Amino acid sequence: MDKIYDYSPNFSLPKRPKKRIKFIIIHYTGMKKESDSIKRLQSPRSKVSSHYLIKKNGEILTLVPDLYEAWHAGLSNWKNHKYLNKNSIGIEITNPGHQHGYKNFSQKQISSLKKLLISLIKKFKIKKKYILGHSDISPDRKKDPGEKFPWAKLAKNGLVWCHNLDSKKIKKLRKVKLLSKFEENIFLKNLYKIGYKKIEGLKLDKNIDYLTKAFQRRFRQDLVNGKIDQECLIISKNLVSH
């Protein structure tokens, strides 16, 4: 796997112990121009960075060495972990994002990502359940890598976690029946078991909206509406069962 080394000054000292790295967080750059994204990740003023950036043509830039803490996750939570920078590797993928004409990720990008994930999983013994999107860990602030990111395909390659249900069959349950309050509570409890966390300072209805959309962007990508239906409930039950 070819990597281009083009370092960013935006990282924390000292080096981390290898065993501290438990997560991989996937992002999109969310900017119109790839060159501007790279400049931002390397600018001392921006105070943001990632360990890797995958360009449109599939080239992988190494911006921060693995054992240093890059500044990519920000305010974030997953299970009992907070501020995931210290425990994670950050991978940015060039994409204009939701604000600038969100696009499908290229085959070259995904092919390079697969190779990079295989390498990092082996190197740091990272669990599939700990390979996450930025929206999973910061659902009130972030939408990336978004509903066009091919989580299901990567799961078929054994690289990430996904439900193992027949999507065509469960789609029929989407709008058949509204959930009772009891079922809604089961869904929310399942989200917390999966790893999603309540966002402090927000009312319950806002929390439900952000958490449900983050869940949908990851596990039910063709309809992200923030509404909890039978399909969402069944997917959540499947995820907590394996």
C-alpha atoms as a PDB file:
ATOM      1  CA  MET A   1       0.000   0.000   0.000  1.00  0.00           C
ATOM      2  CA  ASP A   2       1.598   3.232  -1.176  1.00  0.00           C
ATOM      3  CA  LYS A   3       1.460   6.208   1.182  1.00  0.00           C
ATOM      4  CA  ILE A   4       2.634   9.756   0.611  1.00  0.00           C
ATOM      5  CA  TYR A   5       4.079  11.447   3.685  1.00  0.00           C
ATOM      6  CA  ASP A   6       3.003  15.089   3.953  1.00  0.00           C
ATOM      7  CA  TYR A   7       2.979  15.884   7.641  1.00  0.00           C
ATOM      8  CA  SER A   8       0.724  18.242   9.582  1.00  0.00           C
ATOM      9  CA  PRO A   9       1.958  20.154  12.667  1.00  0.00           C
ATOM     10  CA  ASN A  10      -1.427  19.624  14.362  1.00  0.00           C
ATOM     11  CA  PHE A  11      -0.884  16.814  16.843  1.00  0.00           C
ATOM     12  CA  SER A  12      -0.296  16.290  20.551  1.00  0.00           C
ATOM     13  CA  LEU A  13       2.791  15.126  22.384  1.00  0.00           C
ATOM     14  CA  PRO A  14       4.001  12.753  23.711  1.00  0.00           C
ATOM     15  CA  LYS A  15       3.589   9.561  21.688  1.00  0.00           C
ATOM     16  CA  ARG A  16       0.736   7.290  22.737  1.00  0.00           C
ATOM     17  CA  PRO A  17       1.203   3.717  23.870  1.00  0.00           C
ATOM     18  CA  LYS A  18       0.107   1.407  21.059  1.00  0.00           C
ATOM     19  CA  LYS A  19      -2.510  -0.256  23.280  1.00  0.00           C
ATOM     20  CA  ARG A  20      -4.329   3.064  23.783  1.00  0.00           C
ATOM     21  CA  ILE A  21      -5.481   3.112  20.148  1.00  0.00           C
ATOM     22  CA  LYS A  22      -8.883   1.405  20.122  1.00  0.00           C
ATOM     23  CA  PHE A  23     -10.923   3.278  17.481  1.00  0.00           C
ATOM     24  CA  ILE A  24     -10.813   4.286  13.843  1.00  0.00           C
ATOM     25  CA  ILE A  25     -12.963   7.325  13.033  1.00  0.00           C
ATOM     26  CA  ILE A  26     -13.939   7.968   9.412  1.00  0.00           C
ATOM     27  CA  HIS A  27     -14.667  11.484   8.144  1.00  0.00           C
ATOM     28  CA  TYR A  28     -15.257  13.316   4.914  1.00  0.00           C
ATOM     29  CA  THR A  29     -13.413  16.580   4.287  1.00  0.00           C
ATOM     30  CA  GLY A  30     -16.583  18.614   3.604  1.00  0.00           C
ATOM     31  CA  MET A  31     -14.880  21.208   1.415  1.00  0.00           C
ATOM     32  CA  LYS A  32     -15.286  22.117  -2.261  1.00  0.00           C
ATOM     33  CA  LYS A  33     -11.628  21.732  -3.216  1.00  0.00           C
ATOM     34  CA  GLU A  34      -9.363  18.874  -2.247  1.00  0.00           C
ATOM     35  CA  SER A  35      -6.357  21.201  -2.160  1.00  0.00           C
ATOM     36  CA  ASP A  36      -8.131  23.446   0.363  1.00  0.00           C
ATOM     37  CA  SER A  37      -8.870  20.424   2.558  1.00  0.00           C
ATOM     38  CA  ILE A  38      -5.213  19.457   2.616  1.00  0.00           C
ATOM     39  CA  LYS A  39      -4.148  23.027   3.418  1.00  0.00           C
ATOM     40  CA  ARG A  40      -6.636  23.177   6.287  1.00  0.00           C
ATOM     41  CA  LEU A  41      -5.428  19.891   7.763  1.00  0.00           C
ATOM     42  CA  GLN A  42      -1.866  21.206   7.641  1.00  0.00           C
ATOM     43  CA  SER A  43      -2.474  24.773   8.805  1.00  0.00           C
ATOM     44  CA  PRO A  44      -1.420  25.599  12.398  1.00  0.00           C
ATOM     45  CA  ARG A  45      -4.290  28.127  12.476  1.00  0.00           C
ATOM     46  CA  SER A  46      -6.995  25.520  11.840  1.00  0.00           C
ATOM     47  CA  LYS A  47      -6.005  23.309  14.769  1.00  0.00           C
ATOM     48  CA  VAL A  48      -7.478  20.283  12.982  1.00  0.00           C
ATOM     49  CA  SER A  49      -5.790  17.246  11.472  1.00  0.00           C
ATOM     50  CA  SER A  50      -6.174  13.551  10.820  1.00  0.00           C
ATOM     51  CA  HIS A  51      -3.724  10.698  10.531  1.00  0.00           C
ATOM     52  CA  TYR A  52      -4.635   9.981   6.921  1.00  0.00           C
ATOM     53  CA  LEU A  53      -6.374  11.619   3.990  1.00  0.00           C
ATOM     54  CA  ILE A  54      -7.588   9.579   1.015  1.00  0.00           C
ATOM     55  CA  LYS A  55      -7.623  11.702  -2.126  1.00  0.00           C
ATOM     56  CA  LYS A  56     -10.091  11.477  -5.026  1.00  0.00           C
ATOM     57  CA  ASN A  57      -7.586   9.426  -7.015  1.00  0.00           C
ATOM     58  CA  GLY A  58      -7.110   6.967  -4.150  1.00  0.00           C
ATOM     59  CA  GLU A  59      -3.723   8.261  -3.007  1.00  0.00           C
ATOM     60  CA  ILE A  60      -3.236   8.072   0.744  1.00  0.00           C
ATOM     61  CA  LEU A  61      -1.579  11.013   2.476  1.00  0.00           C
ATOM     62  CA  THR A  62      -0.047  10.361   5.884  1.00  0.00           C
ATOM     63  CA  LEU A  63      -0.489  13.598   7.826  1.00  0.00           C
ATOM     64  CA  VAL A  64       0.168  12.499  11.406  1.00  0.00           C
ATOM     65  CA  PRO A  65       2.038   9.315  12.453  1.00  0.00           C
ATOM     66  CA  ASP A  66      -0.210   6.748  14.124  1.00  0.00           C
ATOM     67  CA  LEU A  67       1.280   7.001  17.596  1.00  0.00           C
ATOM     68  CA  TYR A  68       0.621  10.728  17.909  1.00  0.00           C
ATOM     69  CA  GLU A  69      -2.799  12.158  18.717  1.00  0.00           C
ATOM     70  CA  ALA A  70      -4.316  13.961  15.718  1.00  0.00           C
ATOM     71  CA  TRP A  71      -7.077  16.540  16.196  1.00  0.00           C
ATOM     72  CA  HIS A  72     -10.023  15.123  14.268  1.00  0.00           C
ATOM     73  CA  ALA A  73     -12.776  13.969  16.631  1.00  0.00           C
ATOM     74  CA  GLY A  74     -13.360  17.009  18.854  1.00  0.00           C
ATOM     75  CA  LEU A  75     -16.132  16.806  21.419  1.00  0.00           C
ATOM     76  CA  SER A  76     -17.142  13.159  21.123  1.00  0.00           C
ATOM     77  CA  ASN A  77     -18.548  10.190  23.036  1.00  0.00           C
ATOM     78  CA  TRP A  78     -18.911   6.462  22.492  1.00  0.00           C
ATOM     79  CA  LYS A  79     -19.820   4.030  25.245  1.00  0.00           C
ATOM     80  CA  ASN A  80     -17.677   5.118  28.222  1.00  0.00           C
ATOM     81  CA  HIS A  81     -15.119   6.959  26.107  1.00  0.00           C
ATOM     82  CA  LYS A  82     -14.985  10.755  25.819  1.00  0.00           C
ATOM     83  CA  TYR A  83     -12.870  12.998  23.570  1.00  0.00           C
ATOM     84  CA  LEU A  84     -11.885  10.156  21.284  1.00  0.00           C
ATOM     85  CA  ASN A  85      -8.810  11.849  19.799  1.00  0.00           C
ATOM     86  CA  LYS A  86      -6.654  10.224  22.442  1.00  0.00           C
ATOM     87  CA  ASN A  87      -7.894   6.706  21.588  1.00  0.00           C
ATOM     88  CA  SER A  88      -8.311   6.850  17.826  1.00  0.00           C
ATOM     89  CA  ILE A  89      -6.912   6.982  14.317  1.00  0.00           C
ATOM     90  CA  GLY A  90      -8.650   9.552  12.085  1.00  0.00           C
ATOM     91  CA  ILE A  91      -9.162   8.981   8.363  1.00  0.00           C
ATOM     92  CA  GLU A  92     -10.405  11.829   6.159  1.00  0.00           C
ATOM     93  CA  ILE A  93     -11.788  11.057   2.688  1.00  0.00           C
ATOM     94  CA  THR A  94     -12.072  13.798   0.075  1.00  0.00           C
ATOM     95  CA  ASN A  95     -15.759  14.589  -0.471  1.00  0.00           C
ATOM     96  CA  PRO A  96     -17.545  17.975  -0.642  1.00  0.00           C
ATOM     97  CA  GLY A  97     -20.030  16.796   1.980  1.00  0.00           C
ATOM     98  CA  HIS A  98     -23.627  17.782   2.647  1.00  0.00           C
ATOM     99  CA  GLN A  99     -22.967  21.515   2.393  1.00  0.00           C
ATOM    100  CA  HIS A 100     -21.265  21.462  -1.012  1.00  0.00           C
ATOM    101  CA  GLY A 101     -22.990  18.816  -3.145  1.00  0.00           C
ATOM    102  CA  TYR A 102     -22.404  15.500  -1.345  1.00  0.00           C
ATOM    103  CA  LYS A 103     -21.108  12.852  -3.764  1.00  0.00           C
ATOM    104  CA  ASN A 104     -20.610   9.116  -3.878  1.00  0.00           C
ATOM    105  CA  PHE A 105     -17.144   8.041  -2.776  1.00  0.00           C
ATOM    106  CA  SER A 106     -15.020   6.806  -5.676  1.00  0.00           C
ATOM    107  CA  GLN A 107     -14.062   3.171  -6.144  1.00  0.00           C
ATOM    108  CA  LYS A 108     -10.403   4.172  -5.915  1.00  0.00           C
ATOM    109  CA  GLN A 109     -11.039   5.830  -2.553  1.00  0.00           C
ATOM    110  CA  ILE A 110     -12.869   2.806  -1.151  1.00  0.00           C
ATOM    111  CA  SER A 111     -10.242   0.404  -2.481  1.00  0.00           C
ATOM    112  CA  SER A 112      -7.511   2.415  -0.736  1.00  0.00           C
ATOM    113  CA  LEU A 113      -9.604   2.643   2.422  1.00  0.00           C
ATOM    114  CA  LYS A 114      -9.996  -1.149   2.529  1.00  0.00           C
ATOM    115  CA  LYS A 115      -6.230  -1.631   2.345  1.00  0.00           C
ATOM    116  CA  LEU A 116      -5.652   1.005   5.015  1.00  0.00           C
ATOM    117  CA  LEU A 117      -8.279  -0.518   7.340  1.00  0.00           C
ATOM    118  CA  ILE A 118      -6.806  -4.000   6.946  1.00  0.00           C
ATOM    119  CA  SER A 119      -3.387  -2.636   7.886  1.00  0.00           C
ATOM    120  CA  LEU A 120      -4.608  -0.627  10.899  1.00  0.00           C
ATOM    121  CA  ILE A 121      -6.891  -3.380  12.222  1.00  0.00           C
ATOM    122  CA  LYS A 122      -3.979  -5.798  12.182  1.00  0.00           C
ATOM    123  CA  LYS A 123      -1.493  -3.319  13.646  1.00  0.00           C
ATOM    124  CA  PHE A 124      -3.655  -2.169  16.567  1.00  0.00           C
ATOM    125  CA  LYS A 125      -6.021  -5.139  16.964  1.00  0.00           C
ATOM    126  CA  ILE A 126      -9.039  -2.876  16.486  1.00  0.00           C
ATOM    127  CA  LYS A 127     -12.517  -4.382  16.866  1.00  0.00           C
ATOM    128  CA  LYS A 128     -15.002  -4.012  14.013  1.00  0.00           C
ATOM    129  CA  LYS A 129     -17.479  -2.402  16.415  1.00  0.00           C
ATOM    130  CA  TYR A 130     -14.940   0.348  17.085  1.00  0.00           C
ATOM    131  CA  ILE A 131     -14.665   1.529  13.490  1.00  0.00           C
ATOM    132  CA  LEU A 132     -17.057   4.482  13.500  1.00  0.00           C
ATOM    133  CA  GLY A 133     -18.182   7.533  11.591  1.00  0.00           C
ATOM    134  CA  HIS A 134     -17.766  11.050  12.946  1.00  0.00           C
ATOM    135  CA  SER A 135     -21.564  11.321  13.139  1.00  0.00           C
ATOM    136  CA  ASP A 136     -21.677   8.266  15.434  1.00  0.00           C
ATOM    137  CA  ILE A 137     -19.519   9.936  18.062  1.00  0.00           C
ATOM    138  CA  SER A 138     -20.702  13.556  17.546  1.00  0.00           C
ATOM    139  CA  PRO A 139     -24.316  13.203  16.325  1.00  0.00           C
ATOM    140  CA  ASP A 140     -25.365  16.760  17.172  1.00  0.00           C
ATOM    141  CA  ARG A 141     -22.447  18.325  15.270  1.00  0.00           C
ATOM    142  CA  LYS A 142     -21.529  16.035  12.396  1.00  0.00           C
ATOM    143  CA  LYS A 143     -23.078  14.155   9.460  1.00  0.00           C
ATOM    144  CA  ASP A 144     -19.936  12.574   8.030  1.00  0.00           C
ATOM    145  CA  PRO A 145     -19.076  10.302   6.397  1.00  0.00           C
ATOM    146  CA  GLY A 146     -22.818  10.267   5.690  1.00  0.00           C
ATOM    147  CA  GLU A 147     -25.424   8.068   4.080  1.00  0.00           C
ATOM    148  CA  LYS A 148     -23.441   7.579   0.843  1.00  0.00           C
ATOM    149  CA  PHE A 149     -20.571   5.919   2.683  1.00  0.00           C
ATOM    150  CA  PRO A 150     -20.577   2.148   1.896  1.00  0.00           C
ATOM    151  CA  TRP A 151     -20.716   0.666   5.386  1.00  0.00           C
ATOM    152  CA  ALA A 152     -22.615  -2.431   4.204  1.00  0.00           C
ATOM    153  CA  LYS A 153     -20.057  -3.233   1.490  1.00  0.00           C
ATOM    154  CA  LEU A 154     -17.193  -2.862   3.945  1.00  0.00           C
ATOM    155  CA  ALA A 155     -19.079  -5.139   6.351  1.00  0.00           C
ATOM    156  CA  LYS A 156     -19.289  -7.817   3.649  1.00  0.00           C
ATOM    157  CA  ASN A 157     -15.496  -7.627   3.463  1.00  0.00           C
ATOM    158  CA  GLY A 158     -15.373  -8.235   7.215  1.00  0.00           C
ATOM    159  CA  LEU A 159     -13.940  -4.804   7.982  1.00  0.00           C
ATOM    160  CA  VAL A 160     -16.751  -3.009   9.860  1.00  0.00           C
ATOM    161  CA  TRP A 161     -19.841  -3.840  11.886  1.00  0.00           C
ATOM    162  CA  CYS A 162     -23.324  -3.925  10.392  1.00  0.00           C
ATOM    163  CA  HIS A 163     -26.641  -5.729  10.891  1.00  0.00           C
ATOM    164  CA  ASN A 164     -27.096  -9.059   9.132  1.00  0.00           C
ATOM    165  CA  LEU A 165     -30.753  -8.653   8.165  1.00  0.00           C
ATOM    166  CA  ASP A 166     -32.232  -8.807   4.654  1.00  0.00           C
ATOM    167  CA  SER A 167     -32.627  -5.101   3.814  1.00  0.00           C
ATOM    168  CA  LYS A 168     -35.353  -5.722   1.222  1.00  0.00           C
ATOM    169  CA  LYS A 169     -37.477  -7.687   3.682  1.00  0.00           C
ATOM    170  CA  ILE A 170     -37.190  -5.261   6.585  1.00  0.00           C
ATOM    171  CA  LYS A 171     -37.866  -2.278   4.314  1.00  0.00           C
ATOM    172  CA  LYS A 172     -41.501  -3.440   4.172  1.00  0.00           C
ATOM    173  CA  LEU A 173     -41.804  -2.632   7.879  1.00  0.00           C
ATOM    174  CA  ARG A 174     -40.723   0.972   7.389  1.00  0.00           C
ATOM    175  CA  LYS A 175     -44.083   2.728   7.548  1.00  0.00           C
ATOM    176  CA  VAL A 176     -46.417  -0.128   8.356  1.00  0.00           C
ATOM    177  CA  LYS A 177     -46.984   0.755  11.975  1.00  0.00           C
ATOM    178  CA  LEU A 178     -45.964   3.608  14.268  1.00  0.00           C
ATOM    179  CA  LEU A 179     -44.042   2.658  17.374  1.00  0.00           C
ATOM    180  CA  SER A 180     -45.607   2.792  20.797  1.00  0.00           C
ATOM    181  CA  LYS A 181     -43.827   4.772  23.511  1.00  0.00           C
ATOM    182  CA  PHE A 182     -42.719   1.454  24.984  1.00  0.00           C
ATOM    183  CA  GLU A 183     -41.112   0.435  21.672  1.00  0.00           C
ATOM    184  CA  GLU A 184     -39.485   3.844  21.268  1.00  0.00           C
ATOM    185  CA  ASN A 185     -37.885   3.397  24.681  1.00  0.00           C
ATOM    186  CA  ILE A 186     -36.589  -0.032  23.666  1.00  0.00           C
ATOM    187  CA  PHE A 187     -35.044   1.524  20.543  1.00  0.00           C
ATOM    188  CA  LEU A 188     -33.334   4.257  22.565  1.00  0.00           C
ATOM    189  CA  LYS A 189     -32.017   1.751  25.100  1.00  0.00           C
ATOM    190  CA  ASN A 190     -30.643  -0.288  22.199  1.00  0.00           C
ATOM    191  CA  LEU A 191     -28.857   2.804  20.867  1.00  0.00           C
ATOM    192  CA  TYR A 192     -27.181   3.279  24.241  1.00  0.00           C
ATOM    193  CA  LYS A 193     -26.163  -0.408  24.284  1.00  0.00           C
ATOM    194  CA  ILE A 194     -24.665  -0.028  20.794  1.00  0.00           C
ATOM    195  CA  GLY A 195     -22.577   2.901  22.019  1.00  0.00           C
ATOM    196  CA  TYR A 196     -24.466   6.098  21.178  1.00  0.00           C
ATOM    197  CA  LYS A 197     -24.621   8.595  24.029  1.00  0.00           C
ATOM    198  CA  LYS A 198     -27.145  11.207  25.133  1.00  0.00           C
ATOM    199  CA  ILE A 199     -26.023  14.711  24.277  1.00  0.00           C
ATOM    200  CA  GLU A 200     -25.713  16.779  27.436  1.00  0.00           C
ATOM    201  CA  GLY A 201     -27.719  19.995  27.588  1.00  0.00           C
ATOM    202  CA  LEU A 202     -30.291  18.979  24.969  1.00  0.00           C
ATOM    203  CA  LYS A 203     -33.957  18.203  25.524  1.00  0.00           C
ATOM    204  CA  LEU A 204     -35.115  14.628  24.968  1.00  0.00           C
ATOM    205  CA  ASP A 205     -36.844  15.311  21.638  1.00  0.00           C
ATOM    206  CA  LYS A 206     -33.679  16.892  20.202  1.00  0.00           C
ATOM    207  CA  ASN A 207     -31.596  14.023  21.526  1.00  0.00           C
ATOM    208  CA  ILE A 208     -33.906  11.504  19.880  1.00  0.00           C
ATOM    209  CA  ASP A 209     -33.747  13.356  16.549  1.00  0.00           C
ATOM    210  CA  TYR A 210     -29.930  13.601  16.454  1.00  0.00           C
ATOM    211  CA  LEU A 211     -29.309  10.059  17.693  1.00  0.00           C
ATOM    212  CA  THR A 212     -31.874   8.510  15.354  1.00  0.00           C
ATOM    213  CA  LYS A 213     -30.461  10.321  12.308  1.00  0.00           C
ATOM    214  CA  ALA A 214     -26.920   9.257  13.220  1.00  0.00           C
ATOM    215  CA  PHE A 215     -28.135   5.660  13.565  1.00  0.00           C
ATOM    216  CA  GLN A 216     -29.931   5.870  10.203  1.00  0.00           C
ATOM    217  CA  ARG A 217     -26.920   7.375   8.406  1.00  0.00           C
ATOM    218  CA  ARG A 218     -24.988   4.332   9.531  1.00  0.00           C
ATOM    219  CA  PHE A 219     -27.446   1.447   9.508  1.00  0.00           C
ATOM    220  CA  ARG A 220     -30.485   2.523   7.394  1.00  0.00           C
ATOM    221  CA  GLN A 221     -28.953   4.821   4.833  1.00  0.00           C
ATOM    222  CA  ASP A 222     -31.679   5.177   2.200  1.00  0.00           C
ATOM    223  CA  LEU A 223     -34.028   7.041   4.555  1.00  0.00           C
ATOM    224  CA  VAL A 224     -32.580   9.473   7.090  1.00  0.00           C
ATOM    225  CA  ASN A 225     -35.582  11.253   8.587  1.00  0.00           C
ATOM    226  CA  GLY A 226     -35.102  11.085  12.360  1.00  0.00           C
ATOM    227  CA  LYS A 227     -38.315   9.074  12.764  1.00  0.00           C
ATOM    228  CA  ILE A 228     -38.218   5.802  14.650  1.00  0.00           C
ATOM    229  CA  ASP A 229     -40.138   3.092  12.813  1.00  0.00           C
ATOM    230  CA  GLN A 230     -40.399  -0.703  12.998  1.00  0.00           C
ATOM    231  CA  GLU A 231     -37.483  -1.120  10.605  1.00  0.00           C
ATOM    232  CA  CYS A 232     -35.202   0.947  12.868  1.00  0.00           C
ATOM    233  CA  LEU A 233     -36.337  -1.003  15.913  1.00  0.00           C
ATOM    234  CA  ILE A 234     -35.629  -4.381  14.280  1.00  0.00           C
ATOM    235  CA  ILE A 235     -32.186  -3.255  13.100  1.00  0.00           C
ATOM    236  CA  SER A 236     -31.339  -2.013  16.609  1.00  0.00           C
ATOM    237  CA  LYS A 237     -32.429  -5.336  18.137  1.00  0.00           C
ATOM    238  CA  ASN A 238     -30.301  -7.228  15.629  1.00  0.00           C
ATOM    239  CA  LEU A 239     -27.236  -5.121  16.402  1.00  0.00           C
ATOM    240  CA  VAL A 240     -27.405  -5.598  20.168  1.00  0.00           C
ATOM    241  CA  SER A 241     -27.847  -9.358  19.701  1.00  0.00           C
ATOM    242  CA  HIS A 242     -24.477  -9.930  18.017  1.00  0.00           C
END
